[in-house]
Amino acid sequence: MRYSLLLLIFVCFSCEPKHDIPQTIELNSSWQFKKVSDSVWNTATVPGNVHSDLLDHNFIKDPFVGANEDSLQWISEIDWEYKTTFVVDEEILQKRNIELNFEGLDTYASVYLNDSLILNANNAFREWNLDVKPLLKPENELRLVFENTSKYEEAEKVKSPYPLPEGNRIFTRKAQFQYGWDWGPKLNTSGIWRPIKLKAYNDAKIYNVYVHQIELKDSIAKLMIEVDFANSKTDGYTFEVFVNDSLA
């Protein structure tokens, strides 16, 4: 859960000894992919998408050559599966907080960590941060099942009392050009299009910092800083504030 803390900044700020440094592992190696209905896995590139992985293995023709896109529409009509394994050392496992951060999943994805469902993603434009400490082991498997968009779009269409422009594409939060545009082919893809990271830390984690200008004069500036962080206990924390790379 996130909490916000407001600080009124005047002239100076107190400092404390440095706290534990968070550790981040980017899970971008040893990925494999396949059709959900298949049994054979092939190597995959993450971040990426299913079209580029298929092209890397010469399973499809280049979709940007001639009318090749016409023969590739089957890709968006089936479900795809990605998986990887990763090792977590004892130092990280001992951290009080361990999160999996998904920066971009395109789009309808069921995410499993060690066979436990941890996320049903439905928006390619947002991040997902999940507490996974109870599920982590020294050796782990992360698996994602991407379902084709049409089944979800049809379900939403039924709920609408009137037709909407541009067809069913408007019901899915993903890049709309993938459905075809006047300047590009129709390649409705799926996959892990931005990095996945494992983040471990002991202290409070800052998500965002917002600076509000209260007053500005030639000699002094009064600023209100709103700190959005993951820790319900706000006592005992101090902040170092730098102005033009100098500690204020």
C-alpha atoms as a PDB file:
ATOM      1  CA  MET A   1       0.000   0.000   0.000  1.00  0.00           C
ATOM      2  CA  ARG A   2       1.209   3.493  -0.786  1.00  0.00           C
ATOM      3  CA  TYR A   3       1.293   6.427   1.608  1.00  0.00           C
ATOM      4  CA  SER A   4       1.958  10.113   1.046  1.00  0.00           C
ATOM      5  CA  LEU A   5       3.999  12.423   3.258  1.00  0.00           C
ATOM      6  CA  LEU A   6       4.025  16.215   2.939  1.00  0.00           C
ATOM      7  CA  LEU A   7       7.177  18.173   3.775  1.00  0.00           C
ATOM      8  CA  LEU A   8       7.503  21.963   3.940  1.00  0.00           C
ATOM      9  CA  ILE A   9      10.950  22.988   2.722  1.00  0.00           C
ATOM     10  CA  PHE A  10      12.531  26.252   3.930  1.00  0.00           C
ATOM     11  CA  VAL A  11      16.306  26.598   4.297  1.00  0.00           C
ATOM     12  CA  CYS A  12      17.983  23.411   5.445  1.00  0.00           C
ATOM     13  CA  PHE A  13      17.352  19.720   6.000  1.00  0.00           C
ATOM     14  CA  SER A  14      18.708  17.147   8.393  1.00  0.00           C
ATOM     15  CA  CYS A  15      20.629  14.084   7.276  1.00  0.00           C
ATOM     16  CA  GLU A  16      21.019  10.545   8.580  1.00  0.00           C
ATOM     17  CA  PRO A  17      23.420   7.733   7.744  1.00  0.00           C
ATOM     18  CA  LYS A  18      22.713   5.960   4.476  1.00  0.00           C
ATOM     19  CA  HIS A  19      20.165   3.179   4.572  1.00  0.00           C
ATOM     20  CA  ASP A  20      20.212  -0.177   2.870  1.00  0.00           C
ATOM     21  CA  ILE A  21      20.497   0.151  -0.922  1.00  0.00           C
ATOM     22  CA  PRO A  22      17.686  -1.549  -2.901  1.00  0.00           C
ATOM     23  CA  GLN A  23      18.703  -4.296  -5.320  1.00  0.00           C
ATOM     24  CA  THR A  24      17.219  -4.670  -8.801  1.00  0.00           C
ATOM     25  CA  ILE A  25      17.457  -7.674 -11.120  1.00  0.00           C
ATOM     26  CA  GLU A  26      16.193  -7.339 -14.680  1.00  0.00           C
ATOM     27  CA  LEU A  27      14.629 -10.603 -15.862  1.00  0.00           C
ATOM     28  CA  ASN A  28      15.578 -10.391 -19.531  1.00  0.00           C
ATOM     29  CA  SER A  29      17.355 -13.689 -20.183  1.00  0.00           C
ATOM     30  CA  SER A  30      16.529 -17.380 -20.721  1.00  0.00           C
ATOM     31  CA  TRP A  31      13.050 -16.640 -22.082  1.00  0.00           C
ATOM     32  CA  GLN A  32      11.124 -19.135 -24.221  1.00  0.00           C
ATOM     33  CA  PHE A  33       7.805 -18.935 -26.052  1.00  0.00           C
ATOM     34  CA  LYS A  34       5.287 -21.132 -27.848  1.00  0.00           C
ATOM     35  CA  LYS A  35       1.663 -21.408 -28.856  1.00  0.00           C
ATOM     36  CA  VAL A  36      -0.358 -22.436 -25.824  1.00  0.00           C
ATOM     37  CA  SER A  37      -1.515 -25.490 -27.797  1.00  0.00           C
ATOM     38  CA  ASP A  38       2.051 -26.543 -28.696  1.00  0.00           C
ATOM     39  CA  SER A  39       4.530 -28.565 -26.667  1.00  0.00           C
ATOM     40  CA  VAL A  40       7.794 -27.314 -28.182  1.00  0.00           C
ATOM     41  CA  TRP A  41       9.399 -24.166 -26.731  1.00  0.00           C
ATOM     42  CA  ASN A  42      11.606 -21.754 -28.680  1.00  0.00           C
ATOM     43  CA  THR A  43      13.953 -19.039 -27.489  1.00  0.00           C
ATOM     44  CA  ALA A  44      12.459 -15.558 -27.102  1.00  0.00           C
ATOM     45  CA  THR A  45      13.745 -12.008 -26.740  1.00  0.00           C
ATOM     46  CA  VAL A  46      12.428  -9.934 -23.822  1.00  0.00           C
ATOM     47  CA  PRO A  47      11.485  -7.128 -24.081  1.00  0.00           C
ATOM     48  CA  GLY A  48       9.895  -7.907 -27.419  1.00  0.00           C
ATOM     49  CA  ASN A  49       6.745  -9.376 -28.950  1.00  0.00           C
ATOM     50  CA  VAL A  50       5.524 -12.560 -30.554  1.00  0.00           C
ATOM     51  CA  HIS A  51       5.834 -11.264 -34.139  1.00  0.00           C
ATOM     52  CA  SER A  52       9.524 -10.427 -33.711  1.00  0.00           C
ATOM     53  CA  ASP A  53      10.198 -13.776 -32.005  1.00  0.00           C
ATOM     54  CA  LEU A  54       8.513 -15.664 -34.831  1.00  0.00           C
ATOM     55  CA  LEU A  55      10.492 -13.658 -37.367  1.00  0.00           C
ATOM     56  CA  ASP A  56      13.778 -14.340 -35.549  1.00  0.00           C
ATOM     57  CA  HIS A  57      13.167 -18.068 -35.983  1.00  0.00           C
ATOM     58  CA  ASN A  58      12.087 -17.677 -39.636  1.00  0.00           C
ATOM     59  CA  PHE A  59       8.665 -19.059 -38.742  1.00  0.00           C
ATOM     60  CA  ILE A  60       7.021 -16.189 -40.644  1.00  0.00           C
ATOM     61  CA  LYS A  61       7.880 -13.942 -43.578  1.00  0.00           C
ATOM     62  CA  ASP A  62       8.838 -10.327 -42.999  1.00  0.00           C
ATOM     63  CA  PRO A  63       5.481  -8.617 -42.376  1.00  0.00           C
ATOM     64  CA  PHE A  64       6.769  -5.340 -43.819  1.00  0.00           C
ATOM     65  CA  VAL A  65       7.493  -6.809 -47.250  1.00  0.00           C
ATOM     66  CA  GLY A  66       4.797  -6.755 -49.921  1.00  0.00           C
ATOM     67  CA  ALA A  67       1.467  -8.147 -48.761  1.00  0.00           C
ATOM     68  CA  ASN A  68       2.974 -10.605 -46.267  1.00  0.00           C
ATOM     69  CA  GLU A  69       0.861  -9.161 -43.459  1.00  0.00           C
ATOM     70  CA  ASP A  70      -2.233 -10.774 -45.043  1.00  0.00           C
ATOM     71  CA  SER A  71      -0.888 -14.259 -44.306  1.00  0.00           C
ATOM     72  CA  LEU A  72       0.037 -13.414 -40.703  1.00  0.00           C
ATOM     73  CA  GLN A  73      -3.360 -12.543 -39.228  1.00  0.00           C
ATOM     74  CA  TRP A  74      -3.535 -15.962 -37.548  1.00  0.00           C
ATOM     75  CA  ILE A  75      -0.934 -14.780 -35.009  1.00  0.00           C
ATOM     76  CA  SER A  76      -3.408 -12.484 -33.247  1.00  0.00           C
ATOM     77  CA  GLU A  77      -6.125 -15.134 -33.243  1.00  0.00           C
ATOM     78  CA  ILE A  78      -4.385 -17.630 -30.954  1.00  0.00           C
ATOM     79  CA  ASP A  79      -2.915 -17.590 -27.429  1.00  0.00           C
ATOM     80  CA  TRP A  80       0.804 -17.454 -26.683  1.00  0.00           C
ATOM     81  CA  GLU A  81       2.881 -18.476 -23.696  1.00  0.00           C
ATOM     82  CA  TYR A  82       6.222 -17.178 -22.390  1.00  0.00           C
ATOM     83  CA  LYS A  83       8.357 -18.510 -19.556  1.00  0.00           C
ATOM     84  CA  THR A  84      11.745 -18.130 -17.912  1.00  0.00           C
ATOM     85  CA  THR A  85      13.575 -19.402 -14.850  1.00  0.00           C
ATOM     86  CA  PHE A  86      15.678 -17.282 -12.543  1.00  0.00           C
ATOM     87  CA  VAL A  87      17.761 -17.715  -9.416  1.00  0.00           C
ATOM     88  CA  VAL A  88      17.492 -15.534  -6.313  1.00  0.00           C
ATOM     89  CA  ASP A  89      20.371 -15.594  -3.855  1.00  0.00           C
ATOM     90  CA  GLU A  90      20.004 -15.702  -0.083  1.00  0.00           C
ATOM     91  CA  GLU A  91      20.884 -12.026   0.337  1.00  0.00           C
ATOM     92  CA  ILE A  92      17.891 -10.969  -1.709  1.00  0.00           C
ATOM     93  CA  LEU A  93      15.568 -13.529  -0.163  1.00  0.00           C
ATOM     94  CA  GLN A  94      16.322 -12.025   3.253  1.00  0.00           C
ATOM     95  CA  LYS A  95      15.109  -8.561   2.211  1.00  0.00           C
ATOM     96  CA  ARG A  96      11.917  -7.433   3.950  1.00  0.00           C
ATOM     97  CA  ASN A  97      10.268  -6.363   0.691  1.00  0.00           C
ATOM     98  CA  ILE A  98      10.531  -8.090  -2.694  1.00  0.00           C
ATOM     99  CA  GLU A  99       8.479  -6.956  -5.679  1.00  0.00           C
ATOM    100  CA  LEU A 100       8.032  -7.977  -9.288  1.00  0.00           C
ATOM    101  CA  ASN A 101       7.655  -4.952 -11.528  1.00  0.00           C
ATOM    102  CA  PHE A 102       6.056  -5.437 -14.951  1.00  0.00           C
ATOM    103  CA  GLU A 103       6.616  -2.262 -16.946  1.00  0.00           C
ATOM    104  CA  GLY A 104       4.556  -3.309 -19.958  1.00  0.00           C
ATOM    105  CA  LEU A 105       2.509  -6.405 -20.857  1.00  0.00           C
ATOM    106  CA  ASP A 106       0.631  -6.465 -24.161  1.00  0.00           C
ATOM    107  CA  THR A 107      -2.128  -7.059 -23.215  1.00  0.00           C
ATOM    108  CA  TYR A 108      -4.421  -9.727 -21.661  1.00  0.00           C
ATOM    109  CA  ALA A 109      -1.963 -11.819 -19.674  1.00  0.00           C
ATOM    110  CA  SER A 110      -2.219 -14.306 -16.840  1.00  0.00           C
ATOM    111  CA  VAL A 111       1.029 -14.276 -14.880  1.00  0.00           C
ATOM    112  CA  TYR A 112       2.192 -17.245 -12.801  1.00  0.00           C
ATOM    113  CA  LEU A 113       5.113 -17.351 -10.379  1.00  0.00           C
ATOM    114  CA  ASN A 114       6.020 -20.905  -9.378  1.00  0.00           C
ATOM    115  CA  ASP A 115       2.575 -22.008 -10.634  1.00  0.00           C
ATOM    116  CA  SER A 116       0.731 -19.450  -8.464  1.00  0.00           C
ATOM    117  CA  LEU A 117      -1.422 -16.921 -10.323  1.00  0.00           C
ATOM    118  CA  ILE A 118      -0.227 -13.460  -9.282  1.00  0.00           C
ATOM    119  CA  LEU A 119      -1.711 -11.160 -11.938  1.00  0.00           C
ATOM    120  CA  ASN A 120      -4.380 -10.829 -14.591  1.00  0.00           C
ATOM    121  CA  ALA A 121      -3.104  -7.953 -16.740  1.00  0.00           C
ATOM    122  CA  ASN A 122      -5.456  -6.092 -19.085  1.00  0.00           C
ATOM    123  CA  ASN A 123      -3.715  -2.840 -20.012  1.00  0.00           C
ATOM    124  CA  ALA A 124      -0.551  -2.501 -22.109  1.00  0.00           C
ATOM    125  CA  PHE A 125       0.003   1.102 -21.026  1.00  0.00           C
ATOM    126  CA  ARG A 126       0.430   0.665 -17.271  1.00  0.00           C
ATOM    127  CA  GLU A 127       2.895  -0.879 -14.848  1.00  0.00           C
ATOM    128  CA  TRP A 128       2.138  -3.611 -12.333  1.00  0.00           C
ATOM    129  CA  ASN A 129       3.983  -3.881  -8.990  1.00  0.00           C
ATOM    130  CA  LEU A 130       3.419  -7.070  -7.011  1.00  0.00           C
ATOM    131  CA  ASP A 131       4.638  -8.285  -3.624  1.00  0.00           C
ATOM    132  CA  VAL A 132       6.118 -11.727  -4.333  1.00  0.00           C
ATOM    133  CA  LYS A 133       8.255 -12.351  -1.250  1.00  0.00           C
ATOM    134  CA  PRO A 134       6.017 -15.197   0.072  1.00  0.00           C
ATOM    135  CA  LEU A 135       6.316 -17.063  -3.245  1.00  0.00           C
ATOM    136  CA  LEU A 136      10.001 -16.699  -4.017  1.00  0.00           C
ATOM    137  CA  LYS A 137      12.450 -19.577  -3.739  1.00  0.00           C
ATOM    138  CA  PRO A 138      16.134 -19.948  -4.647  1.00  0.00           C
ATOM    139  CA  GLU A 139      15.041 -21.242  -8.080  1.00  0.00           C
ATOM    140  CA  ASN A 140      11.892 -19.817  -9.680  1.00  0.00           C
ATOM    141  CA  GLU A 141       9.778 -20.081 -12.804  1.00  0.00           C
ATOM    142  CA  LEU A 142       7.883 -17.111 -14.224  1.00  0.00           C
ATOM    143  CA  ARG A 143       5.244 -17.915 -16.837  1.00  0.00           C
ATOM    144  CA  LEU A 144       2.887 -15.624 -18.771  1.00  0.00           C
ATOM    145  CA  VAL A 145      -0.078 -16.663 -20.901  1.00  0.00           C
ATOM    146  CA  PHE A 146      -1.231 -14.046 -23.426  1.00  0.00           C
ATOM    147  CA  GLU A 147      -4.789 -14.448 -24.688  1.00  0.00           C
ATOM    148  CA  ASN A 148      -5.971 -13.007 -27.982  1.00  0.00           C
ATOM    149  CA  THR A 149      -7.803  -9.718 -27.685  1.00  0.00           C
ATOM    150  CA  SER A 150     -10.919 -10.661 -29.650  1.00  0.00           C
ATOM    151  CA  LYS A 151     -12.561 -12.725 -26.895  1.00  0.00           C
ATOM    152  CA  TYR A 152     -12.397  -9.802 -24.465  1.00  0.00           C
ATOM    153  CA  GLU A 153     -13.443  -7.271 -27.080  1.00  0.00           C
ATOM    154  CA  GLU A 154     -16.481  -9.314 -28.076  1.00  0.00           C
ATOM    155  CA  ALA A 155     -17.509  -9.599 -24.437  1.00  0.00           C
ATOM    156  CA  GLU A 156     -17.331  -5.821 -24.006  1.00  0.00           C
ATOM    157  CA  LYS A 157     -19.176  -5.216 -27.267  1.00  0.00           C
ATOM    158  CA  VAL A 158     -22.156  -7.182 -25.969  1.00  0.00           C
ATOM    159  CA  LYS A 159     -22.395  -4.844 -22.988  1.00  0.00           C
ATOM    160  CA  SER A 160     -22.586  -1.735 -25.166  1.00  0.00           C
ATOM    161  CA  PRO A 161     -26.154  -0.593 -26.029  1.00  0.00           C
ATOM    162  CA  TYR A 162     -24.989   1.000 -29.292  1.00  0.00           C
ATOM    163  CA  PRO A 163     -22.174   0.503 -31.829  1.00  0.00           C
ATOM    164  CA  LEU A 164     -19.014   2.544 -31.406  1.00  0.00           C
ATOM    165  CA  PRO A 165     -16.673   3.809 -34.146  1.00  0.00           C
ATOM    166  CA  GLU A 166     -13.497   1.969 -35.167  1.00  0.00           C
ATOM    167  CA  GLY A 167     -14.849  -1.461 -34.260  1.00  0.00           C
ATOM    168  CA  ASN A 168     -13.965  -3.614 -31.257  1.00  0.00           C
ATOM    169  CA  ARG A 169     -10.410  -2.284 -31.014  1.00  0.00           C
ATOM    170  CA  ILE A 170     -11.564   0.562 -28.774  1.00  0.00           C
ATOM    171  CA  PHE A 171     -12.290  -1.880 -25.952  1.00  0.00           C
ATOM    172  CA  THR A 172      -8.630  -2.865 -25.521  1.00  0.00           C
ATOM    173  CA  ARG A 173      -6.017  -0.645 -23.885  1.00  0.00           C
ATOM    174  CA  LYS A 174      -3.108  -1.255 -26.224  1.00  0.00           C
ATOM    175  CA  ALA A 175      -1.389   0.499 -29.151  1.00  0.00           C
ATOM    176  CA  GLN A 176      -4.220   1.056 -31.617  1.00  0.00           C
ATOM    177  CA  PHE A 177      -1.949   1.168 -34.666  1.00  0.00           C
ATOM    178  CA  GLN A 178      -1.494  -2.601 -34.248  1.00  0.00           C
ATOM    179  CA  TYR A 179      -5.017  -3.037 -35.629  1.00  0.00           C
ATOM    180  CA  GLY A 180      -3.923  -1.391 -38.884  1.00  0.00           C
ATOM    181  CA  TRP A 181      -3.482   2.246 -39.906  1.00  0.00           C
ATOM    182  CA  ASP A 182      -3.075   4.194 -43.107  1.00  0.00           C
ATOM    183  CA  TRP A 183       0.688   4.310 -42.527  1.00  0.00           C
ATOM    184  CA  GLY A 184       1.273   0.801 -41.157  1.00  0.00           C
ATOM    185  CA  PRO A 185       0.259  -2.877 -41.488  1.00  0.00           C
ATOM    186  CA  LYS A 186      -2.217  -4.748 -39.334  1.00  0.00           C
ATOM    187  CA  LEU A 187      -0.025  -6.612 -36.819  1.00  0.00           C
ATOM    188  CA  ASN A 188      -2.000  -7.095 -33.608  1.00  0.00           C
ATOM    189  CA  THR A 189       0.792  -8.543 -31.531  1.00  0.00           C
ATOM    190  CA  SER A 190       1.257  -9.630 -27.920  1.00  0.00           C
ATOM    191  CA  GLY A 191       4.153 -10.093 -25.556  1.00  0.00           C
ATOM    192  CA  ILE A 192       6.397  -8.529 -22.923  1.00  0.00           C
ATOM    193  CA  TRP A 193       7.092  -5.189 -24.538  1.00  0.00           C
ATOM    194  CA  ARG A 194       8.882  -3.522 -21.609  1.00  0.00           C
ATOM    195  CA  PRO A 195      11.270  -4.903 -18.928  1.00  0.00           C
ATOM    196  CA  ILE A 196      10.344  -7.108 -15.986  1.00  0.00           C
ATOM    197  CA  LYS A 197      12.347  -6.376 -12.845  1.00  0.00           C
ATOM    198  CA  LEU A 198      12.713  -7.978  -9.438  1.00  0.00           C
ATOM    199  CA  LYS A 199      13.226  -5.311  -6.766  1.00  0.00           C
ATOM    200  CA  ALA A 200      14.278  -6.068  -3.192  1.00  0.00           C
ATOM    201  CA  TYR A 201      14.688  -3.591  -0.352  1.00  0.00           C
ATOM    202  CA  ASN A 202      14.444  -3.219   3.413  1.00  0.00           C
ATOM    203  CA  ASP A 203      13.595   0.454   3.858  1.00  0.00           C
ATOM    204  CA  ALA A 204      10.731   2.520   2.507  1.00  0.00           C
ATOM    205  CA  LYS A 205      10.452   2.678  -1.269  1.00  0.00           C
ATOM    206  CA  ILE A 206       9.742   6.022  -2.946  1.00  0.00           C
ATOM    207  CA  TYR A 207       7.359   5.756  -5.889  1.00  0.00           C
ATOM    208  CA  ASN A 208       7.030   9.456  -6.791  1.00  0.00           C
ATOM    209  CA  VAL A 209       8.007  12.888  -5.559  1.00  0.00           C
ATOM    210  CA  TYR A 210       5.827  15.912  -6.331  1.00  0.00           C
ATOM    211  CA  VAL A 211       7.152  19.458  -5.803  1.00  0.00           C
ATOM    212  CA  HIS A 212       4.607  22.276  -5.291  1.00  0.00           C
ATOM    213  CA  GLN A 213       5.826  25.875  -5.378  1.00  0.00           C
ATOM    214  CA  ILE A 214       4.300  27.822  -2.470  1.00  0.00           C
ATOM    215  CA  GLU A 215       6.277  31.058  -2.708  1.00  0.00           C
ATOM    216  CA  LEU A 216       9.165  32.314  -4.854  1.00  0.00           C
ATOM    217  CA  LYS A 217      11.290  35.424  -4.136  1.00  0.00           C
ATOM    218  CA  ASP A 218      14.775  36.584  -5.077  1.00  0.00           C
ATOM    219  CA  SER A 219      16.222  35.323  -1.810  1.00  0.00           C
ATOM    220  CA  ILE A 220      14.090  32.322  -0.826  1.00  0.00           C
ATOM    221  CA  ALA A 221      11.812  29.687  -2.246  1.00  0.00           C
ATOM    222  CA  LYS A 222       9.145  27.843  -0.261  1.00  0.00           C
ATOM    223  CA  LEU A 223       8.279  24.454  -1.699  1.00  0.00           C
ATOM    224  CA  MET A 224       5.888  21.738  -0.624  1.00  0.00           C
ATOM    225  CA  ILE A 225       7.148  18.262  -1.380  1.00  0.00           C
ATOM    226  CA  GLU A 226       4.760  15.308  -1.493  1.00  0.00           C
ATOM    227  CA  VAL A 227       6.493  11.943  -1.197  1.00  0.00           C
ATOM    228  CA  ASP A 228       4.563   8.884  -2.345  1.00  0.00           C
ATOM    229  CA  PHE A 229       6.138   5.797  -0.826  1.00  0.00           C
ATOM    230  CA  ALA A 230       5.415   2.236   0.292  1.00  0.00           C
ATOM    231  CA  ASN A 231       5.589   2.242   4.059  1.00  0.00           C
ATOM    232  CA  SER A 232       2.882   3.022   6.595  1.00  0.00           C
ATOM    233  CA  LYS A 233       5.455   4.142   9.221  1.00  0.00           C
ATOM    234  CA  THR A 234       6.606   7.676   8.488  1.00  0.00           C
ATOM    235  CA  ASP A 235       8.476   8.297  11.752  1.00  0.00           C
ATOM    236  CA  GLY A 236      12.261   8.329  11.715  1.00  0.00           C
ATOM    237  CA  TYR A 237      12.786   9.277   8.073  1.00  0.00           C
ATOM    238  CA  THR A 238      14.662  12.348   6.893  1.00  0.00           C
ATOM    239  CA  PHE A 239      15.244  13.502   3.345  1.00  0.00           C
ATOM    240  CA  GLU A 240      18.279  14.999   1.624  1.00  0.00           C
ATOM    241  CA  VAL A 241      17.173  17.648  -0.872  1.00  0.00           C
ATOM    242  CA  PHE A 242      19.509  18.816  -3.618  1.00  0.00           C
ATOM    243  CA  VAL A 243      19.102  22.097  -5.488  1.00  0.00           C
ATOM    244  CA  ASN A 244      21.274  22.450  -8.622  1.00  0.00           C
ATOM    245  CA  ASP A 245      23.272  19.390  -7.490  1.00  0.00           C
ATOM    246  CA  SER A 246      24.035  20.978  -4.091  1.00  0.00           C
ATOM    247  CA  LEU A 247      22.660  19.697  -0.801  1.00  0.00           C
ATOM    248  CA  ALA A 248      20.277  22.349   0.515  1.00  0.00           C
END
